[in-house]
Amino acid sequence: MLDAVLSLTVLAAILLLIGAFFLWRRTGNAKNALLMVLLAFVALMNVAIWTLPDAGGEAPLEKLEQGAR
């Protein structure tokens, strides 16, 4: 289930980046476009935190899945 949430988060971040580009090109509103880019960056960093392994070689997502079994 958490894999689906992380996948949707990545898709949302990609759509935010595309939307920010089109918002900037169409209206010239740089402030809102930059806020959308910042939100996409934060979402991708959250995904990275959950999926990248630590020094021990185990990702927090794997630890969570092992604890649920």
N, C-alpha and C. Protein backbone atom coordinates (compact mmCIF):
# COMPACT_ATOMS: atom_id res chain seq x y z
N MET A 1 0.82 -1.19 0.00
CA MET A 1 0.00 0.00 0.00
C MET A 1 0.87 1.26 0.00
N LEU A 2 1.92 1.21 0.80
CA LEU A 2 2.81 2.38 0.87
C LEU A 2 3.54 2.59 -0.46
N ASP A 3 3.79 1.50 -1.19
CA ASP A 3 4.40 1.65 -2.51
C ASP A 3 3.51 2.46 -3.44
N ALA A 4 2.22 2.23 -3.36
CA ALA A 4 1.28 2.99 -4.20
C ALA A 4 1.27 4.46 -3.81
N VAL A 5 1.35 4.73 -2.53
CA VAL A 5 1.36 6.12 -2.06
C VAL A 5 2.63 6.83 -2.55
N LEU A 6 3.76 6.16 -2.47
CA LEU A 6 5.01 6.76 -2.94
C LEU A 6 4.98 6.98 -4.45
N SER A 7 4.40 6.03 -5.18
CA SER A 7 4.28 6.19 -6.63
C SER A 7 3.39 7.38 -6.99
N LEU A 8 2.28 7.51 -6.30
CA LEU A 8 1.39 8.64 -6.54
C LEU A 8 2.06 9.97 -6.17
N THR A 9 2.89 9.95 -5.15
CA THR A 9 3.61 11.16 -4.76
C THR A 9 4.58 11.59 -5.85
N VAL A 10 5.28 10.63 -6.44
CA VAL A 10 6.20 10.95 -7.53
C VAL A 10 5.43 11.47 -8.74
N LEU A 11 4.32 10.84 -9.06
CA LEU A 11 3.51 11.32 -10.18
C LEU A 11 2.98 12.72 -9.92
N ALA A 12 2.55 12.98 -8.69
CA ALA A 12 2.06 14.32 -8.35
C ALA A 12 3.18 15.35 -8.47
N ALA A 13 4.39 14.98 -8.07
CA ALA A 13 5.52 15.90 -8.17
C ALA A 13 5.83 16.22 -9.64
N ILE A 14 5.77 15.21 -10.48
CA ILE A 14 6.01 15.44 -11.91
C ILE A 14 4.94 16.36 -12.48
N LEU A 15 3.69 16.11 -12.12
CA LEU A 15 2.60 16.97 -12.60
C LEU A 15 2.73 18.39 -12.07
N LEU A 16 3.21 18.54 -10.84
CA LEU A 16 3.44 19.87 -10.29
C LEU A 16 4.50 20.62 -11.09
N LEU A 17 5.56 19.93 -11.46
CA LEU A 17 6.61 20.57 -12.25
C LEU A 17 6.10 20.98 -13.63
N ILE A 18 5.33 20.11 -14.26
CA ILE A 18 4.76 20.44 -15.57
C ILE A 18 3.79 21.60 -15.44
N GLY A 19 2.95 21.54 -14.41
CA GLY A 19 1.98 22.61 -14.19
C GLY A 19 2.65 23.94 -13.88
N ALA A 20 3.74 23.91 -13.14
CA ALA A 20 4.48 25.14 -12.83
C ALA A 20 5.06 25.76 -14.09
N PHE A 21 5.57 24.92 -14.98
CA PHE A 21 6.11 25.43 -16.22
C PHE A 21 5.03 26.11 -17.06
N PHE A 22 3.88 25.43 -17.19
CA PHE A 22 2.81 26.01 -17.99
C PHE A 22 2.23 27.26 -17.34
N LEU A 23 2.14 27.28 -16.02
CA LEU A 23 1.64 28.47 -15.32
C LEU A 23 2.58 29.65 -15.56
N TRP A 24 3.87 29.39 -15.48
CA TRP A 24 4.86 30.45 -15.68
C TRP A 24 4.83 30.96 -17.12
N ARG A 25 4.73 30.03 -18.09
CA ARG A 25 4.72 30.44 -19.50
C ARG A 25 3.43 31.17 -19.87
N ARG A 26 2.29 30.75 -19.34
CA ARG A 26 1.00 31.32 -19.73
C ARG A 26 0.75 32.66 -19.04
N THR A 27 0.98 32.73 -17.73
CA THR A 27 0.62 33.94 -16.98
C THR A 27 1.82 34.77 -16.57
N GLY A 28 2.99 34.19 -16.55
CA GLY A 28 4.17 34.90 -16.09
C GLY A 28 4.23 35.02 -14.58
N ASN A 29 3.36 34.31 -13.89
CA ASN A 29 3.31 34.36 -12.43
C ASN A 29 4.42 33.47 -11.86
N ALA A 30 5.57 34.08 -11.63
CA ALA A 30 6.74 33.32 -11.19
C ALA A 30 6.61 32.86 -9.74
N LYS A 31 5.95 33.65 -8.91
CA LYS A 31 5.86 33.30 -7.48
C LYS A 31 5.11 31.98 -7.29
N ASN A 32 3.94 31.84 -7.90
CA ASN A 32 3.18 30.61 -7.75
C ASN A 32 3.88 29.43 -8.41
N ALA A 33 4.53 29.68 -9.55
CA ALA A 33 5.26 28.61 -10.22
C ALA A 33 6.41 28.11 -9.35
N LEU A 34 7.13 29.03 -8.72
CA LEU A 34 8.23 28.63 -7.84
C LEU A 34 7.73 27.89 -6.61
N LEU A 35 6.57 28.28 -6.10
CA LEU A 35 5.99 27.55 -4.97
C LEU A 35 5.61 26.13 -5.38
N MET A 36 5.12 25.96 -6.59
CA MET A 36 4.80 24.63 -7.08
C MET A 36 6.06 23.78 -7.23
N VAL A 37 7.13 24.39 -7.71
CA VAL A 37 8.41 23.68 -7.83
C VAL A 37 8.93 23.29 -6.44
N LEU A 38 8.81 24.19 -5.49
CA LEU A 38 9.24 23.90 -4.12
C LEU A 38 8.43 22.74 -3.54
N LEU A 39 7.13 22.72 -3.76
CA LEU A 39 6.30 21.63 -3.27
C LEU A 39 6.70 20.31 -3.92
N ALA A 40 6.99 20.32 -5.21
CA ALA A 40 7.43 19.11 -5.89
C ALA A 40 8.76 18.63 -5.31
N PHE A 41 9.67 19.56 -5.03
CA PHE A 41 10.96 19.20 -4.43
C PHE A 41 10.77 18.55 -3.06
N VAL A 42 9.90 19.13 -2.24
CA VAL A 42 9.65 18.57 -0.91
C VAL A 42 9.05 17.17 -1.02
N ALA A 43 8.12 16.98 -1.94
CA ALA A 43 7.51 15.67 -2.13
C ALA A 43 8.55 14.64 -2.57
N LEU A 44 9.42 15.01 -3.49
CA LEU A 44 10.45 14.08 -3.94
C LEU A 44 11.47 13.78 -2.85
N MET A 45 11.78 14.75 -2.01
CA MET A 45 12.69 14.50 -0.89
C MET A 45 12.06 13.54 0.12
N ASN A 46 10.76 13.65 0.34
CA ASN A 46 10.08 12.71 1.22
C ASN A 46 10.14 11.30 0.67
N VAL A 47 9.96 11.15 -0.62
CA VAL A 47 10.07 9.83 -1.24
C VAL A 47 11.49 9.30 -1.09
N ALA A 48 12.47 10.18 -1.29
CA ALA A 48 13.87 9.76 -1.15
C ALA A 48 14.18 9.33 0.27
N ILE A 49 13.65 10.03 1.24
CA ILE A 49 13.89 9.67 2.64
C ILE A 49 13.36 8.27 2.93
N TRP A 50 12.21 7.94 2.38
CA TRP A 50 11.61 6.64 2.64
C TRP A 50 12.26 5.51 1.86
N THR A 51 12.87 5.80 0.72
CA THR A 51 13.34 4.71 -0.14
C THR A 51 14.86 4.52 -0.17
N LEU A 52 15.63 5.55 0.12
CA LEU A 52 17.08 5.41 0.05
C LEU A 52 17.60 4.68 1.29
N PRO A 53 18.54 3.76 1.10
CA PRO A 53 19.05 3.01 2.25
C PRO A 53 19.96 3.86 3.14
N ASP A 54 20.01 3.48 4.40
CA ASP A 54 20.89 4.16 5.35
C ASP A 54 22.27 3.51 5.31
N ALA A 55 23.10 3.82 6.29
CA ALA A 55 24.46 3.27 6.32
C ALA A 55 24.46 1.75 6.47
N GLY A 56 23.43 1.22 7.09
CA GLY A 56 23.32 -0.23 7.26
C GLY A 56 22.81 -0.94 6.02
N GLY A 57 22.41 -0.21 5.01
CA GLY A 57 21.95 -0.81 3.77
C GLY A 57 20.47 -1.13 3.73
N GLU A 58 19.72 -0.62 4.70
CA GLU A 58 18.29 -0.91 4.75
C GLU A 58 17.50 0.39 4.72
N ALA A 59 16.52 0.44 3.85
CA ALA A 59 15.68 1.63 3.70
C ALA A 59 14.60 1.63 4.79
N PRO A 60 14.16 2.82 5.21
CA PRO A 60 13.08 2.88 6.21
C PRO A 60 11.81 2.16 5.76
N LEU A 61 11.53 2.17 4.47
CA LEU A 61 10.36 1.48 3.95
C LEU A 61 10.49 -0.02 4.17
N GLU A 62 11.68 -0.56 3.98
CA GLU A 62 11.90 -1.99 4.21
C GLU A 62 11.75 -2.33 5.69
N LYS A 63 12.25 -1.46 6.57
CA LYS A 63 12.10 -1.69 8.00
C LYS A 63 10.64 -1.70 8.40
N LEU A 64 9.87 -0.80 7.81
CA LEU A 64 8.44 -0.73 8.11
C LEU A 64 7.72 -1.98 7.64
N GLU A 65 8.06 -2.45 6.45
CA GLU A 65 7.43 -3.66 5.91
C GLU A 65 7.82 -4.90 6.71
N GLN A 66 9.05 -4.97 7.20
CA GLN A 66 9.47 -6.11 8.01
C GLN A 66 8.78 -6.11 9.36
N GLY A 67 8.53 -4.95 9.91
CA GLY A 67 7.85 -4.86 11.20
C GLY A 67 6.38 -5.24 11.10
N ALA A 68 5.78 -5.10 9.92
CA ALA A 68 4.37 -5.41 9.75
C ALA A 68 4.12 -6.90 9.60
N ARG A 69 5.15 -7.65 9.30
CA ARG A 69 4.99 -9.10 9.09
C ARG A 69 4.96 -9.85 10.39
